[in-house]
Amino acid sequence: MSTPLAERHCVVCKPGTPTLARDAVDTMLRQLSGWTVVEVGDHLELTKTFRFKGFMPAVELVNAIAPIAENGRKNRPNRPLLTPFTLS
């Protein structure tokens, strides 16, 4: 891959778009600090865990992500952003 991930943009995948091969996923994953890819059922999911010292800092992160997820590219997360959620 010639263009770093930080310089790329999301595009909407159409039904039938093939998934990336695991070696391509691993190559891109090396560019992302703290992110992992986990196998869930029959597909891979990109995931990262954030830890906060309180509820409001977590809400502030979600509020910062929401406008990005709601943009015209329709790249909304397909699961709740605060799951699982542990406050200690």
N, C-alpha and C. Protein backbone atom coordinates (compact mmCIF):
# COMPACT_ATOMS: atom_id res chain seq x y z
N MET A 1 0.86 -1.17 0.00
CA MET A 1 0.00 0.00 0.00
C MET A 1 0.91 1.23 0.00
N SER A 2 0.71 2.10 -0.94
CA SER A 2 1.58 3.26 -1.07
C SER A 2 1.12 4.47 -0.26
N THR A 3 -0.18 4.64 -0.06
CA THR A 3 -0.69 5.80 0.67
C THR A 3 -0.93 5.43 2.14
N PRO A 4 -0.29 6.15 3.08
CA PRO A 4 -0.52 5.85 4.50
C PRO A 4 -2.00 6.01 4.86
N LEU A 5 -2.45 5.23 5.82
CA LEU A 5 -3.85 5.29 6.25
C LEU A 5 -4.26 6.69 6.67
N ALA A 6 -3.38 7.42 7.32
CA ALA A 6 -3.71 8.77 7.80
C ALA A 6 -4.05 9.73 6.67
N GLU A 7 -3.65 9.40 5.45
CA GLU A 7 -3.92 10.26 4.30
C GLU A 7 -5.07 9.74 3.43
N ARG A 8 -5.70 8.66 3.85
CA ARG A 8 -6.78 8.06 3.07
C ARG A 8 -8.14 8.45 3.66
N HIS A 9 -9.20 8.20 2.91
CA HIS A 9 -10.57 8.49 3.36
C HIS A 9 -11.45 7.28 3.15
N CYS A 10 -12.47 7.18 3.98
CA CYS A 10 -13.42 6.07 3.87
C CYS A 10 -14.28 6.21 2.62
N VAL A 11 -14.62 5.10 2.05
CA VAL A 11 -15.60 5.05 0.97
C VAL A 11 -16.62 3.99 1.35
N VAL A 12 -17.84 4.17 0.94
CA VAL A 12 -18.90 3.22 1.26
C VAL A 12 -18.68 1.95 0.47
N CYS A 13 -18.68 0.83 1.16
CA CYS A 13 -18.56 -0.47 0.49
C CYS A 13 -19.93 -0.87 -0.05
N LYS A 14 -19.93 -1.40 -1.23
CA LYS A 14 -21.17 -1.89 -1.83
C LYS A 14 -21.34 -3.37 -1.51
N PRO A 15 -22.57 -3.86 -1.49
CA PRO A 15 -22.77 -5.29 -1.27
C PRO A 15 -21.93 -6.10 -2.26
N GLY A 16 -21.28 -7.11 -1.75
CA GLY A 16 -20.44 -7.95 -2.59
C GLY A 16 -18.99 -7.51 -2.64
N THR A 17 -18.68 -6.36 -2.02
CA THR A 17 -17.28 -5.93 -1.99
C THR A 17 -16.48 -6.94 -1.19
N PRO A 18 -15.39 -7.45 -1.77
CA PRO A 18 -14.61 -8.45 -1.02
C PRO A 18 -13.91 -7.82 0.18
N THR A 19 -13.72 -8.61 1.22
CA THR A 19 -13.00 -8.14 2.39
C THR A 19 -11.51 -8.17 2.11
N LEU A 20 -10.76 -7.45 2.91
CA LEU A 20 -9.30 -7.45 2.78
C LEU A 20 -8.74 -8.79 3.24
N ALA A 21 -7.69 -9.22 2.61
CA ALA A 21 -6.99 -10.42 3.05
C ALA A 21 -6.33 -10.12 4.40
N ARG A 22 -6.19 -11.14 5.23
CA ARG A 22 -5.64 -10.94 6.58
C ARG A 22 -4.26 -10.30 6.54
N ASP A 23 -3.41 -10.65 5.57
CA ASP A 23 -2.08 -10.03 5.51
C ASP A 23 -2.17 -8.53 5.20
N ALA A 24 -3.15 -8.11 4.40
CA ALA A 24 -3.35 -6.68 4.12
C ALA A 24 -3.85 -5.97 5.38
N VAL A 25 -4.74 -6.63 6.12
CA VAL A 25 -5.24 -6.07 7.38
C VAL A 25 -4.06 -5.89 8.35
N ASP A 26 -3.22 -6.90 8.47
CA ASP A 26 -2.08 -6.82 9.39
C ASP A 26 -1.11 -5.72 8.99
N THR A 27 -0.90 -5.53 7.70
CA THR A 27 -0.02 -4.46 7.21
C THR A 27 -0.56 -3.10 7.61
N MET A 28 -1.85 -2.88 7.41
CA MET A 28 -2.46 -1.60 7.76
C MET A 28 -2.52 -1.41 9.28
N LEU A 29 -2.75 -2.49 10.00
CA LEU A 29 -2.87 -2.42 11.45
C LEU A 29 -1.58 -1.90 12.09
N ARG A 30 -0.45 -2.15 11.49
CA ARG A 30 0.83 -1.66 12.03
C ARG A 30 0.90 -0.13 12.03
N GLN A 31 0.03 0.52 11.27
CA GLN A 31 0.01 1.99 11.22
C GLN A 31 -0.91 2.59 12.30
N LEU A 32 -1.60 1.75 13.05
CA LEU A 32 -2.59 2.22 14.03
C LEU A 32 -2.14 1.87 15.44
N SER A 33 -1.89 2.87 16.24
CA SER A 33 -1.44 2.66 17.60
C SER A 33 -2.59 2.24 18.51
N GLY A 34 -2.44 1.10 19.18
CA GLY A 34 -3.43 0.67 20.16
C GLY A 34 -4.65 -0.05 19.60
N TRP A 35 -4.75 -0.19 18.29
CA TRP A 35 -5.90 -0.86 17.68
C TRP A 35 -5.59 -2.33 17.47
N THR A 36 -6.63 -3.16 17.51
CA THR A 36 -6.49 -4.58 17.24
C THR A 36 -7.61 -5.01 16.30
N VAL A 37 -7.42 -6.14 15.71
CA VAL A 37 -8.47 -6.74 14.88
C VAL A 37 -8.83 -8.07 15.54
N VAL A 38 -10.12 -8.26 15.78
CA VAL A 38 -10.58 -9.49 16.40
C VAL A 38 -11.56 -10.20 15.46
N GLU A 39 -11.54 -11.51 15.53
CA GLU A 39 -12.46 -12.30 14.72
C GLU A 39 -13.77 -12.44 15.50
N VAL A 40 -14.87 -12.00 14.89
CA VAL A 40 -16.20 -12.08 15.49
C VAL A 40 -17.08 -12.84 14.51
N GLY A 41 -17.41 -14.06 14.87
CA GLY A 41 -18.21 -14.87 13.95
C GLY A 41 -17.43 -15.13 12.68
N ASP A 42 -18.00 -14.70 11.57
CA ASP A 42 -17.37 -14.96 10.26
C ASP A 42 -16.66 -13.74 9.68
N HIS A 43 -16.40 -12.72 10.53
CA HIS A 43 -15.75 -11.52 10.01
C HIS A 43 -14.78 -10.93 11.04
N LEU A 44 -13.97 -9.99 10.58
CA LEU A 44 -13.02 -9.30 11.45
C LEU A 44 -13.58 -7.94 11.85
N GLU A 45 -13.28 -7.51 13.07
CA GLU A 45 -13.70 -6.19 13.53
C GLU A 45 -12.49 -5.44 14.07
N LEU A 46 -12.42 -4.16 13.70
CA LEU A 46 -11.37 -3.26 14.20
C LEU A 46 -11.84 -2.72 15.54
N THR A 47 -10.99 -2.80 16.56
CA THR A 47 -11.41 -2.38 17.88
C THR A 47 -10.28 -1.69 18.65
N LYS A 48 -10.66 -0.79 19.53
CA LYS A 48 -9.70 -0.13 20.41
C LYS A 48 -10.41 0.16 21.73
N THR A 49 -9.72 -0.05 22.82
CA THR A 49 -10.28 0.21 24.14
C THR A 49 -9.72 1.52 24.67
N PHE A 50 -10.62 2.39 25.12
CA PHE A 50 -10.24 3.65 25.74
C PHE A 50 -10.63 3.57 27.21
N ARG A 51 -9.79 4.07 28.08
CA ARG A 51 -10.09 4.08 29.52
C ARG A 51 -10.17 5.54 29.97
N PHE A 52 -11.19 5.82 30.80
CA PHE A 52 -11.42 7.18 31.28
C PHE A 52 -11.51 7.19 32.79
N LYS A 53 -11.23 8.34 33.37
CA LYS A 53 -11.29 8.49 34.83
C LYS A 53 -12.67 8.92 35.31
N GLY A 54 -13.63 8.92 34.42
CA GLY A 54 -14.98 9.30 34.79
C GLY A 54 -15.91 9.16 33.61
N PHE A 55 -17.19 9.34 33.87
CA PHE A 55 -18.20 9.20 32.84
C PHE A 55 -18.14 10.32 31.81
N MET A 56 -18.01 11.57 32.27
CA MET A 56 -18.06 12.71 31.35
C MET A 56 -16.93 12.72 30.32
N PRO A 57 -15.70 12.36 30.66
CA PRO A 57 -14.68 12.28 29.61
C PRO A 57 -15.05 11.27 28.52
N ALA A 58 -15.70 10.17 28.90
CA ALA A 58 -16.14 9.18 27.90
C ALA A 58 -17.23 9.79 27.01
N VAL A 59 -18.15 10.52 27.61
CA VAL A 59 -19.21 11.18 26.85
C VAL A 59 -18.61 12.21 25.89
N GLU A 60 -17.60 12.93 26.34
CA GLU A 60 -16.95 13.92 25.48
C GLU A 60 -16.32 13.27 24.25
N LEU A 61 -15.73 12.08 24.43
CA LEU A 61 -15.17 11.38 23.28
C LEU A 61 -16.27 10.98 22.30
N VAL A 62 -17.35 10.43 22.82
CA VAL A 62 -18.47 10.04 21.95
C VAL A 62 -19.02 11.27 21.23
N ASN A 63 -19.14 12.39 21.92
CA ASN A 63 -19.64 13.62 21.29
C ASN A 63 -18.68 14.11 20.20
N ALA A 64 -17.39 13.88 20.36
CA ALA A 64 -16.43 14.27 19.33
C ALA A 64 -16.51 13.34 18.11
N ILE A 65 -16.80 12.06 18.35
CA ILE A 65 -16.88 11.07 17.27
C ILE A 65 -18.18 11.20 16.49
N ALA A 66 -19.27 11.55 17.17
CA ALA A 66 -20.60 11.55 16.55
C ALA A 66 -20.69 12.35 15.25
N PRO A 67 -20.19 13.59 15.18
CA PRO A 67 -20.29 14.33 13.91
C PRO A 67 -19.51 13.66 12.77
N ILE A 68 -18.39 13.03 13.11
CA ILE A 68 -17.60 12.33 12.09
C ILE A 68 -18.38 11.13 11.57
N ALA A 69 -18.98 10.38 12.50
CA ALA A 69 -19.73 9.19 12.12
C ALA A 69 -21.00 9.54 11.35
N GLU A 70 -21.51 10.73 11.55
CA GLU A 70 -22.77 11.15 10.91
C GLU A 70 -22.52 11.84 9.56
N ASN A 71 -21.27 11.92 9.13
CA ASN A 71 -20.96 12.65 7.90
C ASN A 71 -21.57 11.98 6.67
N GLY A 72 -21.43 12.61 5.55
CA GLY A 72 -22.02 12.12 4.30
C GLY A 72 -21.49 10.81 3.81
N ARG A 73 -20.40 10.33 4.36
CA ARG A 73 -19.85 9.05 3.90
C ARG A 73 -20.58 7.86 4.51
N LYS A 74 -21.46 8.13 5.45
CA LYS A 74 -22.26 7.09 6.09
C LYS A 74 -21.39 5.98 6.71
N ASN A 75 -20.31 6.41 7.36
CA ASN A 75 -19.43 5.43 7.98
C ASN A 75 -19.72 5.32 9.48
N ARG A 76 -21.00 5.19 9.80
CA ARG A 76 -21.43 5.08 11.19
C ARG A 76 -21.01 3.73 11.77
N PRO A 77 -20.59 3.73 13.03
CA PRO A 77 -20.32 2.45 13.68
C PRO A 77 -21.61 1.64 13.74
N ASN A 78 -21.50 0.33 13.60
CA ASN A 78 -22.71 -0.49 13.62
C ASN A 78 -22.96 -1.09 14.99
N ARG A 79 -22.29 -0.57 16.00
CA ARG A 79 -22.53 -1.03 17.37
C ARG A 79 -22.34 0.13 18.32
N PRO A 80 -22.87 0.00 19.52
CA PRO A 80 -22.75 1.10 20.48
C PRO A 80 -21.29 1.44 20.76
N LEU A 81 -21.00 2.72 20.87
CA LEU A 81 -19.61 3.16 21.09
C LEU A 81 -19.12 2.88 22.51
N LEU A 82 -20.01 2.77 23.45
CA LEU A 82 -19.62 2.57 24.83
C LEU A 82 -19.84 1.14 25.31
N THR A 83 -19.70 0.19 24.45
CA THR A 83 -19.91 -1.21 24.84
C THR A 83 -18.61 -1.97 24.69
N PRO A 84 -18.12 -2.71 25.64
CA PRO A 84 -18.62 -2.72 27.02
C PRO A 84 -18.18 -1.47 27.75
N PHE A 85 -18.92 -1.10 28.78
CA PHE A 85 -18.65 0.12 29.51
C PHE A 85 -18.47 -0.21 30.98
N THR A 86 -17.30 0.12 31.51
CA THR A 86 -17.02 -0.10 32.92
C THR A 86 -16.54 1.21 33.50
N LEU A 87 -17.17 1.64 34.57
CA LEU A 87 -16.77 2.87 35.25
C LEU A 87 -16.27 2.50 36.63
N SER A 88 -15.00 2.81 36.90
CA SER A 88 -14.47 2.47 38.22
C SER A 88 -13.72 3.63 38.82
